[in-house]
Amino acid sequence: MIHVDQAIVVEGKYDKIKLKHLVDGLVIQTDGFRIFKDREKSALIRKLAQTQGVVVLTDSDTAGLVIRNYIQSIAHGGRVTNVFIPEILGKEKRKEKPSKAGFLGVEGISDEILRKRLQQAGIGCEQPIQRTPVTKYHLYEDGLSGGGNSKNRRKWLFKQLGLPEYLSTNHLLEYLNHAVGYEEYQRLIQLLKQEENQ
């Protein structure tokens, strides 16, 4: 079990059940979009973000992104760590049909992948992982923002990292700094340049 000091925020009860057997810590479910009207739960998440920090672990679909952004907005400067799951096609065993986007949600992702993603974000580590930061300037210099082909280059990087395609540049930067690090980022950029030159 991974000991987590921060509260983990997930979308639904099946996500919560999945996480509770992986982590030793507080797991809060938003009940999907109900969080928008639940002032008490929103206040609790805000308080937790400002005191011990929260980890947001939502599905890789647009609904997950909307909830993730809402949590970020209500945190009011508190500590929010985003953990992203990869886009894996499939459906959960309990469902008859896959989700609208066709990807597995948190509940359908393997324990191994969830553990890895949490650890990459520094969750449950004794000491925070120290890394050389990747900056917005690096993204610009490497053609991932502000250029004509930036969108396609970001899509390539998202695919290499197993991230949803629609992530904002800020979320990409956060992921690179928490889970990847500058050295691995540079290795991927070199690989991208090699593929473009072929």
C-alpha atoms as a PDB file:
ATOM      1  CA  MET A   1       0.000   0.000   0.000  1.00  0.00           C
ATOM      2  CA  ILE A   2       1.134   3.516  -0.785  1.00  0.00           C
ATOM      3  CA  HIS A   3       0.907   5.947   2.137  1.00  0.00           C
ATOM      4  CA  VAL A   4      -0.526   9.264   0.958  1.00  0.00           C
ATOM      5  CA  ASP A   5      -0.591  12.407   3.099  1.00  0.00           C
ATOM      6  CA  GLN A   6      -2.657  14.376   0.583  1.00  0.00           C
ATOM      7  CA  ALA A   7      -6.334  13.694  -0.067  1.00  0.00           C
ATOM      8  CA  ILE A   8      -7.005  11.993  -3.405  1.00  0.00           C
ATOM      9  CA  VAL A   9      -9.983  13.317  -5.379  1.00  0.00           C
ATOM     10  CA  VAL A  10     -11.666  10.915  -7.832  1.00  0.00           C
ATOM     11  CA  GLU A  11     -14.893  11.058  -9.842  1.00  0.00           C
ATOM     12  CA  GLY A  12     -17.044   8.141  -8.695  1.00  0.00           C
ATOM     13  CA  LYS A  13     -17.550   5.408  -6.134  1.00  0.00           C
ATOM     14  CA  TYR A  14     -15.911   2.688  -8.249  1.00  0.00           C
ATOM     15  CA  ASP A  15     -12.831   4.892  -8.645  1.00  0.00           C
ATOM     16  CA  LYS A  16     -12.799   5.338  -4.862  1.00  0.00           C
ATOM     17  CA  ILE A  17     -13.081   1.577  -4.282  1.00  0.00           C
ATOM     18  CA  LYS A  18     -10.178   1.013  -6.707  1.00  0.00           C
ATOM     19  CA  LEU A  19      -7.959   3.559  -4.947  1.00  0.00           C
ATOM     20  CA  LYS A  20      -8.798   2.461  -1.404  1.00  0.00           C
ATOM     21  CA  HIS A  21      -7.071  -0.886  -1.912  1.00  0.00           C
ATOM     22  CA  LEU A  22      -3.970   0.821  -3.362  1.00  0.00           C
ATOM     23  CA  VAL A  23      -3.451   3.754  -1.008  1.00  0.00           C
ATOM     24  CA  ASP A  24      -3.522   4.398   2.698  1.00  0.00           C
ATOM     25  CA  GLY A  25      -5.112   7.834   2.850  1.00  0.00           C
ATOM     26  CA  LEU A  26      -8.236   9.909   2.371  1.00  0.00           C
ATOM     27  CA  VAL A  27     -10.056   9.394  -0.958  1.00  0.00           C
ATOM     28  CA  ILE A  28     -12.909  11.773  -1.826  1.00  0.00           C
ATOM     29  CA  GLN A  29     -15.329  11.207  -4.688  1.00  0.00           C
ATOM     30  CA  THR A  30     -16.865  14.152  -6.543  1.00  0.00           C
ATOM     31  CA  ASP A  31     -19.874  12.122  -7.710  1.00  0.00           C
ATOM     32  CA  GLY A  32     -19.171  13.408 -11.189  1.00  0.00           C
ATOM     33  CA  PHE A  33     -20.618  16.822 -11.981  1.00  0.00           C
ATOM     34  CA  ARG A  34     -22.539  16.909  -8.683  1.00  0.00           C
ATOM     35  CA  ILE A  35     -19.447  18.545  -7.209  1.00  0.00           C
ATOM     36  CA  PHE A  36     -20.463  21.786  -8.957  1.00  0.00           C
ATOM     37  CA  LYS A  37     -23.521  22.114  -6.701  1.00  0.00           C
ATOM     38  CA  ASP A  38     -22.115  20.487  -3.559  1.00  0.00           C
ATOM     39  CA  ARG A  39     -20.843  23.496  -1.596  1.00  0.00           C
ATOM     40  CA  GLU A  40     -19.871  21.448   1.445  1.00  0.00           C
ATOM     41  CA  LYS A  41     -17.712  19.025  -0.529  1.00  0.00           C
ATOM     42  CA  SER A  42     -16.196  21.897  -2.520  1.00  0.00           C
ATOM     43  CA  ALA A  43     -15.335  23.680   0.742  1.00  0.00           C
ATOM     44  CA  LEU A  44     -13.789  20.479   2.116  1.00  0.00           C
ATOM     45  CA  ILE A  45     -11.626  20.020  -0.988  1.00  0.00           C
ATOM     46  CA  ARG A  46     -10.571  23.699  -0.811  1.00  0.00           C
ATOM     47  CA  LYS A  47      -9.601  23.326   2.861  1.00  0.00           C
ATOM     48  CA  LEU A  48      -7.670  20.113   2.171  1.00  0.00           C
ATOM     49  CA  ALA A  49      -5.842  21.736  -0.770  1.00  0.00           C
ATOM     50  CA  GLN A  50      -4.786  24.632   1.438  1.00  0.00           C
ATOM     51  CA  THR A  51      -3.671  22.467   4.362  1.00  0.00           C
ATOM     52  CA  GLN A  52      -2.348  19.071   3.272  1.00  0.00           C
ATOM     53  CA  GLY A  53      -2.799  19.241  -0.503  1.00  0.00           C
ATOM     54  CA  VAL A  54      -4.983  17.224  -2.870  1.00  0.00           C
ATOM     55  CA  VAL A  55      -4.195  14.814  -5.680  1.00  0.00           C
ATOM     56  CA  VAL A  56      -6.641  14.927  -8.607  1.00  0.00           C
ATOM     57  CA  LEU A  57      -7.059  11.595 -10.397  1.00  0.00           C
ATOM     58  CA  THR A  58      -9.870  11.745 -12.958  1.00  0.00           C
ATOM     59  CA  ASP A  59     -10.651   9.861 -16.162  1.00  0.00           C
ATOM     60  CA  SER A  60      -8.909  10.722 -19.462  1.00  0.00           C
ATOM     61  CA  ASP A  61     -12.067  12.103 -21.043  1.00  0.00           C
ATOM     62  CA  THR A  62     -13.462  15.613 -21.374  1.00  0.00           C
ATOM     63  CA  ALA A  63     -15.686  15.167 -18.300  1.00  0.00           C
ATOM     64  CA  GLY A  64     -12.594  14.272 -16.277  1.00  0.00           C
ATOM     65  CA  LEU A  65     -10.841  17.395 -17.557  1.00  0.00           C
ATOM     66  CA  VAL A  66     -13.808  19.615 -16.623  1.00  0.00           C
ATOM     67  CA  ILE A  67     -13.849  18.191 -13.081  1.00  0.00           C
ATOM     68  CA  ARG A  68     -10.048  18.487 -12.823  1.00  0.00           C
ATOM     69  CA  ASN A  69     -10.188  22.158 -13.847  1.00  0.00           C
ATOM     70  CA  TYR A  70     -13.007  22.822 -11.377  1.00  0.00           C
ATOM     71  CA  ILE A  71     -10.975  21.326  -8.508  1.00  0.00           C
ATOM     72  CA  GLN A  72      -8.027  23.494  -9.545  1.00  0.00           C
ATOM     73  CA  SER A  73     -10.246  26.595  -9.540  1.00  0.00           C
ATOM     74  CA  ILE A  74     -11.781  26.003  -6.095  1.00  0.00           C
ATOM     75  CA  ALA A  75      -8.393  25.281  -4.493  1.00  0.00           C
ATOM     76  CA  HIS A  76      -7.632  29.037  -4.349  1.00  0.00           C
ATOM     77  CA  GLY A  77      -3.869  28.689  -4.444  1.00  0.00           C
ATOM     78  CA  GLY A  78      -3.785  25.470  -2.445  1.00  0.00           C
ATOM     79  CA  ARG A  79      -1.530  22.573  -3.365  1.00  0.00           C
ATOM     80  CA  VAL A  80      -3.050  20.521  -6.194  1.00  0.00           C
ATOM     81  CA  THR A  81      -1.153  17.667  -7.836  1.00  0.00           C
ATOM     82  CA  ASN A  82      -2.595  16.334 -11.077  1.00  0.00           C
ATOM     83  CA  VAL A  83      -2.081  12.648 -11.847  1.00  0.00           C
ATOM     84  CA  PHE A  84      -3.064  11.627 -15.362  1.00  0.00           C
ATOM     85  CA  ILE A  85      -4.007   8.143 -16.504  1.00  0.00           C
ATOM     86  CA  PRO A  86      -3.169   6.995 -20.033  1.00  0.00           C
ATOM     87  CA  GLU A  87      -5.762   6.766 -22.779  1.00  0.00           C
ATOM     88  CA  ILE A  88      -6.302   3.010 -23.020  1.00  0.00           C
ATOM     89  CA  LEU A  89      -9.113   1.781 -25.248  1.00  0.00           C
ATOM     90  CA  GLY A  90     -11.525  -0.587 -23.543  1.00  0.00           C
ATOM     91  CA  LYS A  91     -14.410  -0.860 -21.114  1.00  0.00           C
ATOM     92  CA  GLU A  92     -14.739  -1.685 -17.460  1.00  0.00           C
ATOM     93  CA  LYS A  93     -15.960  -5.202 -16.625  1.00  0.00           C
ATOM     94  CA  ARG A  94     -19.106  -3.963 -14.889  1.00  0.00           C
ATOM     95  CA  LYS A  95     -20.230  -1.921 -17.923  1.00  0.00           C
ATOM     96  CA  GLU A  96     -22.048  -3.185 -20.990  1.00  0.00           C
ATOM     97  CA  LYS A  97     -20.555  -0.552 -23.302  1.00  0.00           C
ATOM     98  CA  PRO A  98     -17.366   1.489 -23.265  1.00  0.00           C
ATOM     99  CA  SER A  99     -17.465   5.146 -22.265  1.00  0.00           C
ATOM    100  CA  LYS A 100     -18.343   7.789 -24.841  1.00  0.00           C
ATOM    101  CA  ALA A 101     -14.639   8.424 -25.489  1.00  0.00           C
ATOM    102  CA  GLY A 102     -13.951   4.668 -25.563  1.00  0.00           C
ATOM    103  CA  PHE A 103     -11.201   4.791 -22.939  1.00  0.00           C
ATOM    104  CA  LEU A 104     -10.868   3.038 -19.598  1.00  0.00           C
ATOM    105  CA  GLY A 105     -11.570   5.176 -16.568  1.00  0.00           C
ATOM    106  CA  VAL A 106      -9.641   5.174 -13.293  1.00  0.00           C
ATOM    107  CA  GLU A 107     -11.517   2.063 -12.128  1.00  0.00           C
ATOM    108  CA  GLY A 108     -10.444   0.119 -15.244  1.00  0.00           C
ATOM    109  CA  ILE A 109      -6.747   0.997 -15.178  1.00  0.00           C
ATOM    110  CA  SER A 110      -4.423  -1.674 -13.797  1.00  0.00           C
ATOM    111  CA  ASP A 111      -3.060  -1.342 -10.266  1.00  0.00           C
ATOM    112  CA  GLU A 112       0.466  -1.354 -11.674  1.00  0.00           C
ATOM    113  CA  ILE A 113      -0.172   1.656 -13.933  1.00  0.00           C
ATOM    114  CA  LEU A 114      -1.916   3.575 -11.141  1.00  0.00           C
ATOM    115  CA  ARG A 115       0.966   2.918  -8.724  1.00  0.00           C
ATOM    116  CA  LYS A 116       3.469   4.021 -11.350  1.00  0.00           C
ATOM    117  CA  ARG A 117       1.569   7.233 -12.159  1.00  0.00           C
ATOM    118  CA  LEU A 118       1.220   8.114  -8.468  1.00  0.00           C
ATOM    119  CA  GLN A 119       4.909   7.474  -7.829  1.00  0.00           C
ATOM    120  CA  GLN A 120       5.945   9.457 -10.918  1.00  0.00           C
ATOM    121  CA  ALA A 121       4.057  12.427  -9.470  1.00  0.00           C
ATOM    122  CA  GLY A 122       5.948  12.039  -6.191  1.00  0.00           C
ATOM    123  CA  ILE A 123       2.914  10.708  -4.316  1.00  0.00           C
ATOM    124  CA  GLY A 124       3.830   8.373  -1.490  1.00  0.00           C
ATOM    125  CA  CYS A 125       7.562   9.048  -1.766  1.00  0.00           C
ATOM    126  CA  GLU A 126       9.547   9.743   1.408  1.00  0.00           C
ATOM    127  CA  GLN A 127      11.459  12.584  -0.256  1.00  0.00           C
ATOM    128  CA  PRO A 128      10.107  14.686  -3.112  1.00  0.00           C
ATOM    129  CA  ILE A 129      11.867  13.865  -6.368  1.00  0.00           C
ATOM    130  CA  GLN A 130      14.181  16.758  -7.322  1.00  0.00           C
ATOM    131  CA  ARG A 131      14.270  17.447 -11.054  1.00  0.00           C
ATOM    132  CA  THR A 132      15.547  20.170 -13.358  1.00  0.00           C
ATOM    133  CA  PRO A 133      12.343  21.974 -14.356  1.00  0.00           C
ATOM    134  CA  VAL A 134      10.921  22.077 -17.863  1.00  0.00           C
ATOM    135  CA  THR A 135       9.663  25.614 -18.570  1.00  0.00           C
ATOM    136  CA  LYS A 136       7.247  27.225 -21.020  1.00  0.00           C
ATOM    137  CA  TYR A 137      10.321  28.606 -22.754  1.00  0.00           C
ATOM    138  CA  HIS A 138      11.542  25.031 -23.368  1.00  0.00           C
ATOM    139  CA  LEU A 139       8.156  24.130 -24.881  1.00  0.00           C
ATOM    140  CA  TYR A 140       8.347  27.179 -27.147  1.00  0.00           C
ATOM    141  CA  GLU A 141      11.980  26.551 -28.157  1.00  0.00           C
ATOM    142  CA  ASP A 142      11.213  22.903 -28.891  1.00  0.00           C
ATOM    143  CA  GLY A 143       8.210  23.769 -31.069  1.00  0.00           C
ATOM    144  CA  LEU A 144       5.533  22.470 -28.696  1.00  0.00           C
ATOM    145  CA  SER A 145       3.823  25.842 -28.285  1.00  0.00           C
ATOM    146  CA  GLY A 146       3.490  29.001 -30.325  1.00  0.00           C
ATOM    147  CA  GLY A 147       4.369  27.493 -33.696  1.00  0.00           C
ATOM    148  CA  GLY A 148       2.601  26.285 -36.813  1.00  0.00           C
ATOM    149  CA  ASN A 149       3.165  22.603 -36.116  1.00  0.00           C
ATOM    150  CA  SER A 150       2.956  22.817 -32.303  1.00  0.00           C
ATOM    151  CA  LYS A 151      -0.338  20.953 -32.037  1.00  0.00           C
ATOM    152  CA  ASN A 152       0.954  17.934 -33.980  1.00  0.00           C
ATOM    153  CA  ARG A 153       4.213  17.913 -32.018  1.00  0.00           C
ATOM    154  CA  ARG A 154       2.272  17.992 -28.723  1.00  0.00           C
ATOM    155  CA  LYS A 155       0.037  15.144 -29.957  1.00  0.00           C
ATOM    156  CA  TRP A 156       3.155  13.092 -30.676  1.00  0.00           C
ATOM    157  CA  LEU A 157       4.508  13.825 -27.185  1.00  0.00           C
ATOM    158  CA  PHE A 158       1.148  13.009 -25.544  1.00  0.00           C
ATOM    159  CA  LYS A 159       1.151   9.654 -27.334  1.00  0.00           C
ATOM    160  CA  GLN A 160       4.710   8.895 -26.184  1.00  0.00           C
ATOM    161  CA  LEU A 161       3.789   9.772 -22.592  1.00  0.00           C
ATOM    162  CA  GLY A 162       0.415   7.983 -22.642  1.00  0.00           C
ATOM    163  CA  LEU A 163      -1.488  11.212 -21.931  1.00  0.00           C
ATOM    164  CA  PRO A 164      -4.862  12.445 -23.192  1.00  0.00           C
ATOM    165  CA  GLU A 165      -4.543  14.558 -26.368  1.00  0.00           C
ATOM    166  CA  TYR A 166      -6.564  17.511 -25.098  1.00  0.00           C
ATOM    167  CA  LEU A 167      -4.327  18.505 -22.164  1.00  0.00           C
ATOM    168  CA  SER A 168      -3.542  22.180 -21.873  1.00  0.00           C
ATOM    169  CA  THR A 169       0.034  23.373 -22.127  1.00  0.00           C
ATOM    170  CA  ASN A 170      -0.012  24.139 -18.391  1.00  0.00           C
ATOM    171  CA  HIS A 171      -1.129  20.596 -17.530  1.00  0.00           C
ATOM    172  CA  LEU A 172       1.518  19.189 -19.880  1.00  0.00           C
ATOM    173  CA  LEU A 173       4.166  21.300 -18.170  1.00  0.00           C
ATOM    174  CA  GLU A 174       2.995  20.168 -14.738  1.00  0.00           C
ATOM    175  CA  TYR A 175       3.132  16.519 -15.813  1.00  0.00           C
ATOM    176  CA  LEU A 176       6.593  16.917 -17.344  1.00  0.00           C
ATOM    177  CA  ASN A 177       7.909  18.459 -14.136  1.00  0.00           C
ATOM    178  CA  HIS A 178       6.252  16.025 -11.730  1.00  0.00           C
ATOM    179  CA  ALA A 179       6.516  12.759 -13.616  1.00  0.00           C
ATOM    180  CA  VAL A 180       9.043  12.977 -16.443  1.00  0.00           C
ATOM    181  CA  GLY A 181      11.879  15.392 -15.706  1.00  0.00           C
ATOM    182  CA  TYR A 182      14.049  17.505 -17.950  1.00  0.00           C
ATOM    183  CA  GLU A 183      16.448  14.749 -19.053  1.00  0.00           C
ATOM    184  CA  GLU A 184      13.688  12.397 -20.255  1.00  0.00           C
ATOM    185  CA  TYR A 185      11.901  15.347 -21.879  1.00  0.00           C
ATOM    186  CA  GLN A 186      15.081  16.184 -23.831  1.00  0.00           C
ATOM    187  CA  ARG A 187      15.450  12.535 -24.890  1.00  0.00           C
ATOM    188  CA  LEU A 188      11.879  12.579 -26.237  1.00  0.00           C
ATOM    189  CA  ILE A 189      12.474  15.867 -28.081  1.00  0.00           C
ATOM    190  CA  GLN A 190      15.555  14.364 -29.760  1.00  0.00           C
ATOM    191  CA  LEU A 191      13.487  11.319 -30.754  1.00  0.00           C
ATOM    192  CA  LEU A 192      10.797  13.620 -32.186  1.00  0.00           C
ATOM    193  CA  LYS A 193      13.389  15.516 -34.229  1.00  0.00           C
ATOM    194  CA  GLN A 194      14.830  12.245 -35.562  1.00  0.00           C
ATOM    195  CA  GLU A 195      11.370  11.068 -36.641  1.00  0.00           C
ATOM    196  CA  GLU A 196      10.649  14.407 -38.333  1.00  0.00           C
ATOM    197  CA  ASN A 197      13.931  14.253 -40.261  1.00  0.00           C
ATOM    198  CA  GLN A 198      13.217  10.801 -41.708  1.00  0.00           C
END
